[in-house]
Amino acid sequence: MHFFNYIFTPFGIIIVLFAIFFSNPEKNYTIASILTLAVQFIINFYVFKNIYKFKHMNAIRFWLVIFNIITTSVVFYFITAYWAPSWLLYIMPPAFASTFLNRRKTLLLSVLSALSMFFVYWLRSYLLELEISSTLWAMALCQGLFIVVISLFINNMSEMLVRMRTIK
């Protein structure tokens, strides 16, 4: 459970901080990104600290992943124009979910994460009245495919570890 907090949260913070320090986005984008990241961190910390006290632990985890996809979309919206590796933020919620969900739900959440990324790409281009090139869509599709594949890979590894543990 704490795998997400110890590994993925620092990675997400590093991506956002690098985007802020090395590419200098607009001040309001920086503030919005930091505030969104802070809210995400506080809610994740609270839920992880109290997860075993909740009655429907798996449902709460599932909705926490949805919440993380939404907050990732907000941060991605603000920093993607300034920092190309920001798409990696979309790997974290479904990768975390793949450690405790079955294959079908992992696939669902990883596709939802990829579609959220596609939506932000489309929304930015729509609001800025820019046409998205076929090259950018191809790149986004490769990124989306990676999100799905890595989530399924982690899910398979997690299931294999559980099976190995129950065999002994």
C-alpha atoms as a PDB file:
ATOM      1  CA  MET A   1       0.000   0.000   0.000  1.00  0.00           C
ATOM      2  CA  HIS A   2       2.786   2.382   0.864  1.00  0.00           C
ATOM      3  CA  PHE A   3       4.578   1.472  -2.374  1.00  0.00           C
ATOM      4  CA  PHE A   4       2.748   4.349  -4.047  1.00  0.00           C
ATOM      5  CA  ASN A   5       3.813   6.870  -1.411  1.00  0.00           C
ATOM      6  CA  TYR A   6       7.449   5.792  -1.285  1.00  0.00           C
ATOM      7  CA  ILE A   7       8.118   5.358  -4.988  1.00  0.00           C
ATOM      8  CA  PHE A   8       5.578   7.129  -7.177  1.00  0.00           C
ATOM      9  CA  THR A   9       4.843  10.251  -5.132  1.00  0.00           C
ATOM     10  CA  PRO A  10       8.487  11.402  -5.054  1.00  0.00           C
ATOM     11  CA  PHE A  11       8.782  10.629  -8.773  1.00  0.00           C
ATOM     12  CA  GLY A  12       5.706  12.762  -9.522  1.00  0.00           C
ATOM     13  CA  ILE A  13       7.026  15.580  -7.344  1.00  0.00           C
ATOM     14  CA  ILE A  14      10.381  15.456  -9.156  1.00  0.00           C
ATOM     15  CA  ILE A  15       8.672  15.662 -12.564  1.00  0.00           C
ATOM     16  CA  VAL A  16       6.651  18.701 -11.498  1.00  0.00           C
ATOM     17  CA  LEU A  17       9.579  20.422  -9.779  1.00  0.00           C
ATOM     18  CA  PHE A  18      11.839  19.859 -12.783  1.00  0.00           C
ATOM     19  CA  ALA A  19       9.126  21.292 -15.023  1.00  0.00           C
ATOM     20  CA  ILE A  20       8.869  24.365 -12.813  1.00  0.00           C
ATOM     21  CA  PHE A  21      12.581  24.983 -12.276  1.00  0.00           C
ATOM     22  CA  PHE A  22      13.945  24.128 -15.712  1.00  0.00           C
ATOM     23  CA  SER A  23      11.229  25.431 -17.997  1.00  0.00           C
ATOM     24  CA  ASN A  24       9.797  28.382 -16.038  1.00  0.00           C
ATOM     25  CA  PRO A  25       6.070  28.091 -16.739  1.00  0.00           C
ATOM     26  CA  GLU A  26       3.788  31.030 -16.061  1.00  0.00           C
ATOM     27  CA  LYS A  27       3.405  31.915 -12.393  1.00  0.00           C
ATOM     28  CA  ASN A  28      -0.303  31.013 -12.223  1.00  0.00           C
ATOM     29  CA  TYR A  29       0.446  27.619 -13.853  1.00  0.00           C
ATOM     30  CA  THR A  30       3.172  27.010 -11.302  1.00  0.00           C
ATOM     31  CA  ILE A  31       0.908  27.873  -8.376  1.00  0.00           C
ATOM     32  CA  ALA A  32      -1.966  25.767  -9.732  1.00  0.00           C
ATOM     33  CA  SER A  33       0.352  22.794 -10.285  1.00  0.00           C
ATOM     34  CA  ILE A  34       1.843  23.010  -6.798  1.00  0.00           C
ATOM     35  CA  LEU A  35      -1.556  23.440  -5.122  1.00  0.00           C
ATOM     36  CA  THR A  36      -3.026  20.500  -7.050  1.00  0.00           C
ATOM     37  CA  LEU A  37      -0.034  18.350  -6.150  1.00  0.00           C
ATOM     38  CA  ALA A  38      -0.377  19.384  -2.484  1.00  0.00           C
ATOM     39  CA  VAL A  39      -4.074  18.455  -2.405  1.00  0.00           C
ATOM     40  CA  GLN A  40      -3.280  15.135  -4.074  1.00  0.00           C
ATOM     41  CA  PHE A  41      -0.518  14.438  -1.553  1.00  0.00           C
ATOM     42  CA  ILE A  42      -2.669  15.334   1.481  1.00  0.00           C
ATOM     43  CA  ILE A  43      -5.602  13.177   0.375  1.00  0.00           C
ATOM     44  CA  ASN A  44      -3.345  10.254  -0.541  1.00  0.00           C
ATOM     45  CA  PHE A  45      -1.517  10.535   2.782  1.00  0.00           C
ATOM     46  CA  TYR A  46      -4.780  10.585   4.750  1.00  0.00           C
ATOM     47  CA  VAL A  47      -6.278   7.643   2.873  1.00  0.00           C
ATOM     48  CA  PHE A  48      -3.095   5.554   3.077  1.00  0.00           C
ATOM     49  CA  LYS A  49      -2.733   6.274   6.782  1.00  0.00           C
ATOM     50  CA  ASN A  50      -6.325   5.215   7.486  1.00  0.00           C
ATOM     51  CA  ILE A  51      -7.006   2.653   4.730  1.00  0.00           C
ATOM     52  CA  TYR A  52      -7.411  -0.271   7.114  1.00  0.00           C
ATOM     53  CA  LYS A  53     -10.040   1.614   9.124  1.00  0.00           C
ATOM     54  CA  PHE A  54     -12.372   1.965   6.130  1.00  0.00           C
ATOM     55  CA  LYS A  55     -15.148  -0.532   5.599  1.00  0.00           C
ATOM     56  CA  HIS A  56     -14.857  -0.782   1.802  1.00  0.00           C
ATOM     57  CA  MET A  57     -11.099  -0.640   1.392  1.00  0.00           C
ATOM     58  CA  ASN A  58     -10.961  -1.817  -2.252  1.00  0.00           C
ATOM     59  CA  ALA A  59     -13.663   0.607  -3.383  1.00  0.00           C
ATOM     60  CA  ILE A  60     -11.827   3.468  -1.681  1.00  0.00           C
ATOM     61  CA  ARG A  61      -8.584   2.461  -3.394  1.00  0.00           C
ATOM     62  CA  PHE A  62     -10.367   2.347  -6.764  1.00  0.00           C
ATOM     63  CA  TRP A  63     -11.869   5.827  -6.307  1.00  0.00           C
ATOM     64  CA  LEU A  64      -8.547   7.130  -5.048  1.00  0.00           C
ATOM     65  CA  VAL A  65      -6.996   6.025  -8.347  1.00  0.00           C
ATOM     66  CA  ILE A  66      -9.753   7.898 -10.230  1.00  0.00           C
ATOM     67  CA  PHE A  67      -9.061  10.968  -8.085  1.00  0.00           C
ATOM     68  CA  ASN A  68      -5.341  10.669  -8.873  1.00  0.00           C
ATOM     69  CA  ILE A  69      -6.051  10.457 -12.614  1.00  0.00           C
ATOM     70  CA  ILE A  70      -8.154  13.624 -12.378  1.00  0.00           C
ATOM     71  CA  THR A  71      -5.544  15.555 -10.389  1.00  0.00           C
ATOM     72  CA  THR A  72      -2.827  14.280 -12.715  1.00  0.00           C
ATOM     73  CA  SER A  73      -4.842  15.688 -15.611  1.00  0.00           C
ATOM     74  CA  VAL A  74      -4.945  19.092 -13.937  1.00  0.00           C
ATOM     75  CA  VAL A  75      -1.186  19.151 -13.362  1.00  0.00           C
ATOM     76  CA  PHE A  76      -0.535  17.788 -16.853  1.00  0.00           C
ATOM     77  CA  TYR A  77      -2.684  20.516 -18.371  1.00  0.00           C
ATOM     78  CA  PHE A  78      -0.552  23.207 -16.744  1.00  0.00           C
ATOM     79  CA  ILE A  79       2.933  21.809 -17.360  1.00  0.00           C
ATOM     80  CA  THR A  80       2.742  19.737 -20.549  1.00  0.00           C
ATOM     81  CA  ALA A  81       3.508  22.688 -22.812  1.00  0.00           C
ATOM     82  CA  TYR A  82       6.650  23.361 -20.781  1.00  0.00           C
ATOM     83  CA  TRP A  83       7.906  19.882 -19.928  1.00  0.00           C
ATOM     84  CA  ALA A  84       7.572  16.982 -22.384  1.00  0.00           C
ATOM     85  CA  PRO A  85       8.172  14.152 -19.834  1.00  0.00           C
ATOM     86  CA  SER A  86       5.108  15.245 -17.871  1.00  0.00           C
ATOM     87  CA  TRP A  87       3.081  12.496 -19.601  1.00  0.00           C
ATOM     88  CA  LEU A  88       4.850  10.066 -17.256  1.00  0.00           C
ATOM     89  CA  LEU A  89       2.532  11.311 -14.509  1.00  0.00           C
ATOM     90  CA  TYR A  90      -0.250   9.294 -16.146  1.00  0.00           C
ATOM     91  CA  ILE A  91       1.603   6.029 -15.522  1.00  0.00           C
ATOM     92  CA  MET A  92       1.439   6.327 -11.762  1.00  0.00           C
ATOM     93  CA  PRO A  93      -2.284   5.912 -10.946  1.00  0.00           C
ATOM     94  CA  PRO A  94      -2.885   2.778 -13.061  1.00  0.00           C
ATOM     95  CA  ALA A  95       0.503   1.330 -12.090  1.00  0.00           C
ATOM     96  CA  PHE A  96      -0.471   1.679  -8.443  1.00  0.00           C
ATOM     97  CA  ALA A  97      -3.902   0.192  -9.119  1.00  0.00           C
ATOM     98  CA  SER A  98      -2.345  -2.753 -10.916  1.00  0.00           C
ATOM     99  CA  THR A  99      -0.796  -3.905  -7.624  1.00  0.00           C
ATOM    100  CA  PHE A 100      -4.186  -4.688  -6.065  1.00  0.00           C
ATOM    101  CA  LEU A 101      -6.790  -4.893  -8.860  1.00  0.00           C
ATOM    102  CA  ASN A 102      -7.537  -7.724 -11.251  1.00  0.00           C
ATOM    103  CA  ARG A 103      -6.487  -7.617 -14.907  1.00  0.00           C
ATOM    104  CA  ARG A 104      -9.816  -6.283 -16.210  1.00  0.00           C
ATOM    105  CA  LYS A 105      -9.962  -3.365 -13.761  1.00  0.00           C
ATOM    106  CA  THR A 106      -6.281  -2.632 -14.352  1.00  0.00           C
ATOM    107  CA  LEU A 107      -6.947  -2.493 -18.075  1.00  0.00           C
ATOM    108  CA  LEU A 108      -9.964  -0.240 -17.503  1.00  0.00           C
ATOM    109  CA  LEU A 109      -8.052   2.234 -15.335  1.00  0.00           C
ATOM    110  CA  SER A 110      -4.975   2.278 -17.562  1.00  0.00           C
ATOM    111  CA  VAL A 111      -7.127   2.981 -20.629  1.00  0.00           C
ATOM    112  CA  LEU A 112      -8.955   5.685 -18.652  1.00  0.00           C
ATOM    113  CA  SER A 113      -5.609   7.222 -17.731  1.00  0.00           C
ATOM    114  CA  ALA A 114      -4.437   7.188 -21.357  1.00  0.00           C
ATOM    115  CA  LEU A 115      -7.751   8.650 -22.547  1.00  0.00           C
ATOM    116  CA  SER A 116      -7.443  11.397 -19.934  1.00  0.00           C
ATOM    117  CA  MET A 117      -4.036  12.270 -21.343  1.00  0.00           C
ATOM    118  CA  PHE A 118      -5.459  12.326 -24.899  1.00  0.00           C
ATOM    119  CA  PHE A 119      -8.269  14.582 -23.689  1.00  0.00           C
ATOM    120  CA  VAL A 120      -5.831  17.086 -22.172  1.00  0.00           C
ATOM    121  CA  TYR A 121      -3.807  17.138 -25.392  1.00  0.00           C
ATOM    122  CA  TRP A 122      -7.014  17.781 -27.333  1.00  0.00           C
ATOM    123  CA  LEU A 123      -8.299  20.383 -24.840  1.00  0.00           C
ATOM    124  CA  ARG A 124      -5.072  22.395 -24.915  1.00  0.00           C
ATOM    125  CA  SER A 125      -5.073  22.412 -28.705  1.00  0.00           C
ATOM    126  CA  TYR A 126      -8.760  23.382 -28.797  1.00  0.00           C
ATOM    127  CA  LEU A 127      -8.388  26.227 -26.289  1.00  0.00           C
ATOM    128  CA  LEU A 128      -5.267  27.523 -28.014  1.00  0.00           C
ATOM    129  CA  GLU A 129      -6.905  27.044 -31.424  1.00  0.00           C
ATOM    130  CA  LEU A 130      -4.042  24.907 -32.659  1.00  0.00           C
ATOM    131  CA  GLU A 131      -4.319  21.856 -34.844  1.00  0.00           C
ATOM    132  CA  ILE A 132      -2.726  18.701 -33.488  1.00  0.00           C
ATOM    133  CA  SER A 133      -0.402  17.160 -36.056  1.00  0.00           C
ATOM    134  CA  SER A 134      -0.504  13.494 -36.937  1.00  0.00           C
ATOM    135  CA  THR A 135       2.997  13.223 -35.475  1.00  0.00           C
ATOM    136  CA  LEU A 136       1.783  14.491 -32.094  1.00  0.00           C
ATOM    137  CA  TRP A 137      -1.183  12.095 -32.143  1.00  0.00           C
ATOM    138  CA  ALA A 138       1.160   9.212 -33.019  1.00  0.00           C
ATOM    139  CA  MET A 139       3.424  10.179 -30.137  1.00  0.00           C
ATOM    140  CA  ALA A 140       0.422  10.416 -27.778  1.00  0.00           C
ATOM    141  CA  LEU A 141      -0.822   7.006 -28.912  1.00  0.00           C
ATOM    142  CA  CYS A 142       2.600   5.486 -28.181  1.00  0.00           C
ATOM    143  CA  GLN A 143       2.541   7.103 -24.740  1.00  0.00           C
ATOM    144  CA  GLY A 144      -0.986   5.804 -24.122  1.00  0.00           C
ATOM    145  CA  LEU A 145      -0.013   2.333 -25.231  1.00  0.00           C
ATOM    146  CA  PHE A 146       2.947   2.398 -22.844  1.00  0.00           C
ATOM    147  CA  ILE A 147       0.642   3.401 -19.963  1.00  0.00           C
ATOM    148  CA  VAL A 148      -1.570   0.377 -20.668  1.00  0.00           C
ATOM    149  CA  VAL A 149       1.285  -2.081 -21.260  1.00  0.00           C
ATOM    150  CA  ILE A 150       3.300  -1.130 -18.168  1.00  0.00           C
ATOM    151  CA  SER A 151       0.170  -1.314 -15.994  1.00  0.00           C
ATOM    152  CA  LEU A 152      -0.667  -4.793 -17.285  1.00  0.00           C
ATOM    153  CA  PHE A 153       2.955  -5.853 -16.805  1.00  0.00           C
ATOM    154  CA  ILE A 154       2.925  -4.707 -13.160  1.00  0.00           C
ATOM    155  CA  ASN A 155      -0.435  -6.430 -12.673  1.00  0.00           C
ATOM    156  CA  ASN A 156       0.963  -9.711 -14.033  1.00  0.00           C
ATOM    157  CA  MET A 157       4.030  -9.412 -11.799  1.00  0.00           C
ATOM    158  CA  SER A 158       1.857  -8.717  -8.745  1.00  0.00           C
ATOM    159  CA  GLU A 159      -0.405 -11.685  -9.466  1.00  0.00           C
ATOM    160  CA  MET A 160       2.613 -13.920 -10.023  1.00  0.00           C
ATOM    161  CA  LEU A 161       4.113 -12.863  -6.688  1.00  0.00           C
ATOM    162  CA  VAL A 162       0.839 -13.608  -4.901  1.00  0.00           C
ATOM    163  CA  ARG A 163       0.657 -17.055  -6.519  1.00  0.00           C
ATOM    164  CA  MET A 164       4.273 -17.791  -5.583  1.00  0.00           C
ATOM    165  CA  ARG A 165       3.641 -16.719  -2.014  1.00  0.00           C
ATOM    166  CA  THR A 166       0.580 -18.994  -1.689  1.00  0.00           C
ATOM    167  CA  ILE A 167       2.420 -21.999  -3.160  1.00  0.00           C
ATOM    168  CA  LYS A 168       5.031 -22.110  -0.377  1.00  0.00           C
END
